[in-house]
Amino acid sequence: MDIRIGIKDSPREIAFDSAQTAQEIESAVIAALGAGHLTLDDAKGRRYLVPSAQIAYVEIGSETTRKIGFVA
């Protein structure tokens, strides 16, 4: 699942692939709005912690498909 998180007052965004489903990510984002911070894991095992007050938007993309071509 492709995830993009926009941060307030920052021109850059956080972008990563996650093994979680779209429903799990949506539930985590909704829970984070009241909890104070958003916690998500990417497909490589890294964890992202974002203060919910700084979240401008969360874009949940399509599920990752097999890429065609050379893989490094």
PDB file of N, CA and C in Angstrom:
ATOM      1  N   MET A   1       0.850  -1.158   0.000  1.00  0.00           N
ATOM      2  CA  MET A   1       0.000   0.000   0.000  1.00  0.00           C
ATOM      3  C   MET A   1       0.900   1.226   0.000  1.00  0.00           C
ATOM      4  N   ASP A   2       0.673   2.142  -0.911  1.00  0.00           N
ATOM      5  CA  ASP A   2       1.446   3.371  -1.032  1.00  0.00           C
ATOM      6  C   ASP A   2       0.834   4.440  -0.128  1.00  0.00           C
ATOM      7  N   ILE A   3       1.636   5.021   0.780  1.00  0.00           N
ATOM      8  CA  ILE A   3       1.161   6.014   1.745  1.00  0.00           C
ATOM      9  C   ILE A   3       1.937   7.310   1.552  1.00  0.00           C
ATOM     10  N   ARG A   4       1.228   8.436   1.564  1.00  0.00           N
ATOM     11  CA  ARG A   4       1.851   9.762   1.523  1.00  0.00           C
ATOM     12  C   ARG A   4       1.202  10.603   2.611  1.00  0.00           C
ATOM     13  N   ILE A   5       2.044  11.201   3.473  1.00  0.00           N
ATOM     14  CA  ILE A   5       1.566  12.021   4.579  1.00  0.00           C
ATOM     15  C   ILE A   5       2.105  13.428   4.402  1.00  0.00           C
ATOM     16  N   GLY A   6       1.209  14.397   4.283  1.00  0.00           N
ATOM     17  CA  GLY A   6       1.596  15.793   4.192  1.00  0.00           C
ATOM     18  C   GLY A   6       1.727  16.387   5.579  1.00  0.00           C
ATOM     19  N   ILE A   7       2.775  17.173   5.782  1.00  0.00           N
ATOM     20  CA  ILE A   7       3.049  17.789   7.076  1.00  0.00           C
ATOM     21  C   ILE A   7       2.813  19.297   6.960  1.00  0.00           C
ATOM     22  N   LYS A   8       2.108  19.874   7.935  1.00  0.00           N
ATOM     23  CA  LYS A   8       1.837  21.313   7.942  1.00  0.00           C
ATOM     24  C   LYS A   8       3.140  22.094   7.988  1.00  0.00           C
ATOM     25  N   ASP A   9       3.179  23.223   7.282  1.00  0.00           N
ATOM     26  CA  ASP A   9       4.334  24.127   7.253  1.00  0.00           C
ATOM     27  C   ASP A   9       5.605  23.452   6.769  1.00  0.00           C
ATOM     28  N   SER A  10       5.479  22.421   5.942  1.00  0.00           N
ATOM     29  CA  SER A  10       6.637  21.741   5.374  1.00  0.00           C
ATOM     30  C   SER A  10       6.377  21.481   3.895  1.00  0.00           C
ATOM     31  N   PRO A  11       7.313  21.839   3.031  1.00  0.00           N
ATOM     32  CA  PRO A  11       7.100  21.614   1.602  1.00  0.00           C
ATOM     33  C   PRO A  11       7.234  20.142   1.201  1.00  0.00           C
ATOM     34  N   ARG A  12       7.823  19.322   2.054  1.00  0.00           N
ATOM     35  CA  ARG A  12       8.020  17.911   1.737  1.00  0.00           C
ATOM     36  C   ARG A  12       6.944  17.064   2.399  1.00  0.00           C
ATOM     37  N   GLU A  13       6.832  15.843   1.919  1.00  0.00           N
ATOM     38  CA  GLU A  13       5.880  14.897   2.493  1.00  0.00           C
ATOM     39  C   GLU A  13       6.595  13.604   2.803  1.00  0.00           C
ATOM     40  N   ILE A  14       5.995  12.793   3.645  1.00  0.00           N
ATOM     41  CA  ILE A  14       6.525  11.476   3.969  1.00  0.00           C
ATOM     42  C   ILE A  14       5.849  10.495   3.027  1.00  0.00           C
ATOM     43  N   ALA A  15       6.638   9.716   2.283  1.00  0.00           N
ATOM     44  CA  ALA A  15       6.091   8.740   1.339  1.00  0.00           C
ATOM     45  C   ALA A  15       6.779   7.395   1.566  1.00  0.00           C
ATOM     46  N   PHE A  16       5.976   6.327   1.674  1.00  0.00           N
ATOM     47  CA  PHE A  16       6.524   4.996   1.876  1.00  0.00           C
ATOM     48  C   PHE A  16       5.495   3.946   1.494  1.00  0.00           C
ATOM     49  N   ASP A  17       5.968   2.704   1.363  1.00  0.00           N
ATOM     50  CA  ASP A  17       5.093   1.561   1.100  1.00  0.00           C
ATOM     51  C   ASP A  17       4.857   0.825   2.407  1.00  0.00           C
ATOM     52  N   SER A  18       3.627   0.378   2.610  1.00  0.00           N
ATOM     53  CA  SER A  18       3.275  -0.329   3.835  1.00  0.00           C
ATOM     54  C   SER A  18       2.639  -1.672   3.500  1.00  0.00           C
ATOM     55  N   ALA A  19       2.848  -2.632   4.375  1.00  0.00           N
ATOM     56  CA  ALA A  19       2.237  -3.950   4.207  1.00  0.00           C
ATOM     57  C   ALA A  19       0.824  -3.979   4.785  1.00  0.00           C
ATOM     58  N   GLN A  20       0.421  -2.912   5.477  1.00  0.00           N
ATOM     59  CA  GLN A  20      -0.910  -2.843   6.069  1.00  0.00           C
ATOM     60  C   GLN A  20      -1.958  -2.600   4.982  1.00  0.00           C
ATOM     61  N   THR A  21      -3.186  -2.982   5.272  1.00  0.00           N
ATOM     62  CA  THR A  21      -4.272  -2.763   4.327  1.00  0.00           C
ATOM     63  C   THR A  21      -4.770  -1.325   4.435  1.00  0.00           C
ATOM     64  N   ALA A  22      -5.524  -0.906   3.446  1.00  0.00           N
ATOM     65  CA  ALA A  22      -6.077   0.449   3.451  1.00  0.00           C
ATOM     66  C   ALA A  22      -6.989   0.668   4.650  1.00  0.00           C
ATOM     67  N   GLN A  23      -7.745  -0.339   5.031  1.00  0.00           N
ATOM     68  CA  GLN A  23      -8.648  -0.238   6.182  1.00  0.00           C
ATOM     69  C   GLN A  23      -7.859  -0.065   7.479  1.00  0.00           C
ATOM     70  N   GLU A  24      -6.752  -0.797   7.631  1.00  0.00           N
ATOM     71  CA  GLU A  24      -5.926  -0.672   8.830  1.00  0.00           C
ATOM     72  C   GLU A  24      -5.299   0.718   8.918  1.00  0.00           C
ATOM     73  N   ILE A  25      -4.852   1.241   7.805  1.00  0.00           N
ATOM     74  CA  ILE A  25      -4.238   2.567   7.790  1.00  0.00           C
ATOM     75  C   ILE A  25      -5.273   3.635   8.095  1.00  0.00           C
ATOM     76  N   GLU A  26      -6.433   3.518   7.496  1.00  0.00           N
ATOM     77  CA  GLU A  26      -7.503   4.491   7.760  1.00  0.00           C
ATOM     78  C   GLU A  26      -7.894   4.479   9.237  1.00  0.00           C
ATOM     79  N   SER A  27      -8.007   3.306   9.824  1.00  0.00           N
ATOM     80  CA  SER A  27      -8.347   3.206  11.246  1.00  0.00           C
ATOM     81  C   SER A  27      -7.267   3.833  12.117  1.00  0.00           C
ATOM     82  N   ALA A  28      -5.992   3.621  11.757  1.00  0.00           N
ATOM     83  CA  ALA A  28      -4.886   4.194  12.518  1.00  0.00           C
ATOM     84  C   ALA A  28      -4.887   5.714  12.433  1.00  0.00           C
ATOM     85  N   VAL A  29      -5.197   6.262  11.257  1.00  0.00           N
ATOM     86  CA  VAL A  29      -5.238   7.717  11.084  1.00  0.00           C
ATOM     87  C   VAL A  29      -6.376   8.317  11.905  1.00  0.00           C
ATOM     88  N   ILE A  30      -7.539   7.713  11.869  1.00  0.00           N
ATOM     89  CA  ILE A  30      -8.687   8.221  12.623  1.00  0.00           C
ATOM     90  C   ILE A  30      -8.408   8.150  14.121  1.00  0.00           C
ATOM     91  N   ALA A  31      -7.803   7.060  14.581  1.00  0.00           N
ATOM     92  CA  ALA A  31      -7.467   6.932  15.995  1.00  0.00           C
ATOM     93  C   ALA A  31      -6.403   7.951  16.401  1.00  0.00           C
ATOM     94  N   ALA A  32      -5.488   8.266  15.496  1.00  0.00           N
ATOM     95  CA  ALA A  32      -4.405   9.210  15.803  1.00  0.00           C
ATOM     96  C   ALA A  32      -4.912  10.631  15.984  1.00  0.00           C
ATOM     97  N   LEU A  33      -6.000  10.976  15.348  1.00  0.00           N
ATOM     98  CA  LEU A  33      -6.517  12.335  15.469  1.00  0.00           C
ATOM     99  C   LEU A  33      -6.920  12.654  16.907  1.00  0.00           C
ATOM    100  N   GLY A  34      -7.295  11.645  17.664  1.00  0.00           N
ATOM    101  CA  GLY A  34      -7.642  11.857  19.064  1.00  0.00           C
ATOM    102  C   GLY A  34      -6.523  11.487  20.021  1.00  0.00           C
ATOM    103  N   ALA A  35      -5.586  10.664  19.569  1.00  0.00           N
ATOM    104  CA  ALA A  35      -4.535  10.155  20.451  1.00  0.00           C
ATOM    105  C   ALA A  35      -3.314  11.062  20.549  1.00  0.00           C
ATOM    106  N   GLY A  36      -3.090  11.895  19.566  1.00  0.00           N
ATOM    107  CA  GLY A  36      -1.939  12.787  19.631  1.00  0.00           C
ATOM    108  C   GLY A  36      -0.828  12.472  18.661  1.00  0.00           C
ATOM    109  N   HIS A  37      -0.728  11.213  18.200  1.00  0.00           N
ATOM    110  CA  HIS A  37       0.298  10.889  17.217  1.00  0.00           C
ATOM    111  C   HIS A  37      -0.126   9.695  16.362  1.00  0.00           C
ATOM    112  N   LEU A  38       0.398   9.670  15.143  1.00  0.00           N
ATOM    113  CA  LEU A  38       0.125   8.595  14.189  1.00  0.00           C
ATOM    114  C   LEU A  38       1.348   7.694  14.123  1.00  0.00           C
ATOM    115  N   THR A  39       1.141   6.397  14.239  1.00  0.00           N
ATOM    116  CA  THR A  39       2.220   5.419  14.147  1.00  0.00           C
ATOM    117  C   THR A  39       1.909   4.450  13.021  1.00  0.00           C
ATOM    118  N   LEU A  40       2.808   4.388  12.020  1.00  0.00           N
ATOM    119  CA  LEU A  40       2.662   3.460  10.905  1.00  0.00           C
ATOM    120  C   LEU A  40       3.991   2.772  10.635  1.00  0.00           C
ATOM    121  N   ASP A  41       3.939   1.533  10.173  1.00  0.00           N
ATOM    122  CA  ASP A  41       5.131   0.771   9.812  1.00  0.00           C
ATOM    123  C   ASP A  41       5.195   0.627   8.301  1.00  0.00           C
ATOM    124  N   ASP A  42       6.409   0.679   7.749  1.00  0.00           N
ATOM    125  CA  ASP A  42       6.539   0.486   6.315  1.00  0.00           C
ATOM    126  C   ASP A  42       6.864  -0.972   6.008  1.00  0.00           C
ATOM    127  N   ALA A  43       6.972  -1.291   4.725  1.00  0.00           N
ATOM    128  CA  ALA A  43       7.180  -2.666   4.289  1.00  0.00           C
ATOM    129  C   ALA A  43       8.564  -3.184   4.667  1.00  0.00           C
ATOM    130  N   LYS A  44       9.515  -2.283   4.973  1.00  0.00           N
ATOM    131  CA  LYS A  44      10.873  -2.685   5.327  1.00  0.00           C
ATOM    132  C   LYS A  44      11.091  -2.767   6.833  1.00  0.00           C
ATOM    133  N   GLY A  45      10.044  -2.552   7.612  1.00  0.00           N
ATOM    134  CA  GLY A  45      10.138  -2.676   9.062  1.00  0.00           C
ATOM    135  C   GLY A  45      10.427  -1.384   9.795  1.00  0.00           C
ATOM    136  N   ARG A  46      10.502  -0.254   9.094  1.00  0.00           N
ATOM    137  CA  ARG A  46      10.724   1.031   9.764  1.00  0.00           C
ATOM    138  C   ARG A  46       9.406   1.547  10.304  1.00  0.00           C
ATOM    139  N   ARG A  47       9.475   2.314  11.390  1.00  0.00           N
ATOM    140  CA  ARG A  47       8.281   2.861  12.028  1.00  0.00           C
ATOM    141  C   ARG A  47       8.303   4.380  11.914  1.00  0.00           C
ATOM    142  N   TYR A  48       7.151   4.963  11.549  1.00  0.00           N
ATOM    143  CA  TYR A  48       7.006   6.406  11.408  1.00  0.00           C
ATOM    144  C   TYR A  48       6.055   6.908  12.487  1.00  0.00           C
ATOM    145  N   LEU A  49       6.493   7.927  13.236  1.00  0.00           N
ATOM    146  CA  LEU A  49       5.683   8.563  14.264  1.00  0.00           C
ATOM    147  C   LEU A  49       5.499  10.022  13.861  1.00  0.00           C
ATOM    148  N   VAL A  50       4.246  10.438  13.695  1.00  0.00           N
ATOM    149  CA  VAL A  50       3.942  11.795  13.271  1.00  0.00           C
ATOM    150  C   VAL A  50       2.949  12.395  14.256  1.00  0.00           C
ATOM    151  N   PRO A  51       3.261  13.584  14.817  1.00  0.00           N
ATOM    152  CA  PRO A  51       2.287  14.244  15.697  1.00  0.00           C
ATOM    153  C   PRO A  51       1.017  14.567  14.918  1.00  0.00           C
ATOM    154  N   SER A  52      -0.128  14.182  15.440  1.00  0.00           N
ATOM    155  CA  SER A  52      -1.377  14.352  14.689  1.00  0.00           C
ATOM    156  C   SER A  52      -1.716  15.815  14.452  1.00  0.00           C
ATOM    157  N   ALA A  53      -1.229  16.716  15.294  1.00  0.00           N
ATOM    158  CA  ALA A  53      -1.498  18.140  15.095  1.00  0.00           C
ATOM    159  C   ALA A  53      -0.774  18.687  13.870  1.00  0.00           C
ATOM    160  N   GLN A  54       0.262  17.984  13.392  1.00  0.00           N
ATOM    161  CA  GLN A  54       1.036  18.441  12.241  1.00  0.00           C
ATOM    162  C   GLN A  54       0.618  17.782  10.937  1.00  0.00           C
ATOM    163  N   ILE A  55      -0.348  16.875  10.959  1.00  0.00           N
ATOM    164  CA  ILE A  55      -0.779  16.179   9.750  1.00  0.00           C
ATOM    165  C   ILE A  55      -1.680  17.095   8.926  1.00  0.00           C
ATOM    166  N   ALA A  56      -1.274  17.343   7.681  1.00  0.00           N
ATOM    167  CA  ALA A  56      -2.092  18.139   6.768  1.00  0.00           C
ATOM    168  C   ALA A  56      -3.032  17.226   5.984  1.00  0.00           C
ATOM    169  N   TYR A  57      -2.505  16.086   5.520  1.00  0.00           N
ATOM    170  CA  TYR A  57      -3.330  15.112   4.801  1.00  0.00           C
ATOM    171  C   TYR A  57      -2.646  13.758   4.815  1.00  0.00           C
ATOM    172  N   VAL A  58      -3.420  12.703   4.582  1.00  0.00           N
ATOM    173  CA  VAL A  58      -2.905  11.349   4.423  1.00  0.00           C
ATOM    174  C   VAL A  58      -3.508  10.793   3.148  1.00  0.00           C
ATOM    175  N   GLU A  59      -2.641  10.422   2.219  1.00  0.00           N
ATOM    176  CA  GLU A  59      -3.093   9.855   0.947  1.00  0.00           C
ATOM    177  C   GLU A  59      -2.807   8.363   0.965  1.00  0.00           C
ATOM    178  N   ILE A  60      -3.855   7.569   0.830  1.00  0.00           N
ATOM    179  CA  ILE A  60      -3.730   6.112   0.806  1.00  0.00           C
ATOM    180  C   ILE A  60      -3.880   5.685  -0.637  1.00  0.00           C
ATOM    181  N   GLY A  61      -2.772   5.212  -1.218  1.00  0.00           N
ATOM    182  CA  GLY A  61      -2.762   4.835  -2.628  1.00  0.00           C
ATOM    183  C   GLY A  61      -3.212   3.408  -2.834  1.00  0.00           C
ATOM    184  N   SER A  62      -2.991   2.938  -4.032  1.00  0.00           N
ATOM    185  CA  SER A  62      -3.380   1.572  -4.378  1.00  0.00           C
ATOM    186  C   SER A  62      -2.369   0.585  -3.808  1.00  0.00           C
ATOM    187  N   GLU A  63      -2.773  -0.652  -3.748  1.00  0.00           N
ATOM    188  CA  GLU A  63      -1.877  -1.679  -3.252  1.00  0.00           C
ATOM    189  C   GLU A  63      -0.724  -1.845  -4.225  1.00  0.00           C
ATOM    190  N   THR A  64       0.439  -2.146  -3.679  1.00  0.00           N
ATOM    191  CA  THR A  64       1.638  -2.290  -4.482  1.00  0.00           C
ATOM    192  C   THR A  64       1.529  -3.542  -5.344  1.00  0.00           C
ATOM    193  N   THR A  65       1.836  -3.387  -6.608  1.00  0.00           N
ATOM    194  CA  THR A  65       1.845  -4.535  -7.514  1.00  0.00           C
ATOM    195  C   THR A  65       3.276  -4.861  -7.876  1.00  0.00           C
ATOM    196  N   ARG A  66       3.480  -5.979  -8.489  1.00  0.00           N
ATOM    197  CA  ARG A  66       4.812  -6.388  -8.889  1.00  0.00           C
ATOM    198  C   ARG A  66       5.326  -5.440  -9.951  1.00  0.00           C
ATOM    199  N   LYS A  67       6.542  -4.942  -9.734  1.00  0.00           N
ATOM    200  CA  LYS A  67       7.135  -4.017 -10.682  1.00  0.00           C
ATOM    201  C   LYS A  67       7.776  -4.771 -11.823  1.00  0.00           C
ATOM    202  N   ILE A  68       7.711  -4.180 -12.988  1.00  0.00           N
ATOM    203  CA  ILE A  68       8.271  -4.787 -14.183  1.00  0.00           C
ATOM    204  C   ILE A  68       9.620  -4.150 -14.451  1.00  0.00           C
ATOM    205  N   GLY A  69      10.598  -4.977 -14.780  1.00  0.00           N
ATOM    206  CA  GLY A  69      11.928  -4.460 -15.097  1.00  0.00           C
ATOM    207  C   GLY A  69      12.953  -4.993 -14.133  1.00  0.00           C
ATOM    208  N   PHE A  70      14.082  -4.334 -14.117  1.00  0.00           N
ATOM    209  CA  PHE A  70      15.182  -4.759 -13.266  1.00  0.00           C
ATOM    210  C   PHE A  70      14.913  -4.380 -11.816  1.00  0.00           C
ATOM    211  N   VAL A  71      15.247  -5.279 -10.916  1.00  0.00           N
ATOM    212  CA  VAL A  71      15.076  -5.030  -9.497  1.00  0.00           C
ATOM    213  C   VAL A  71      16.451  -5.002  -8.848  1.00  0.00           C
ATOM    214  N   ALA A  72      16.735  -3.946  -8.134  1.00  0.00           N
ATOM    215  CA  ALA A  72      18.053  -3.819  -7.486  1.00  0.00           C
ATOM    216  C   ALA A  72      18.046  -4.419  -6.120  1.00  0.00           C
TER     217      ALA A  72
END
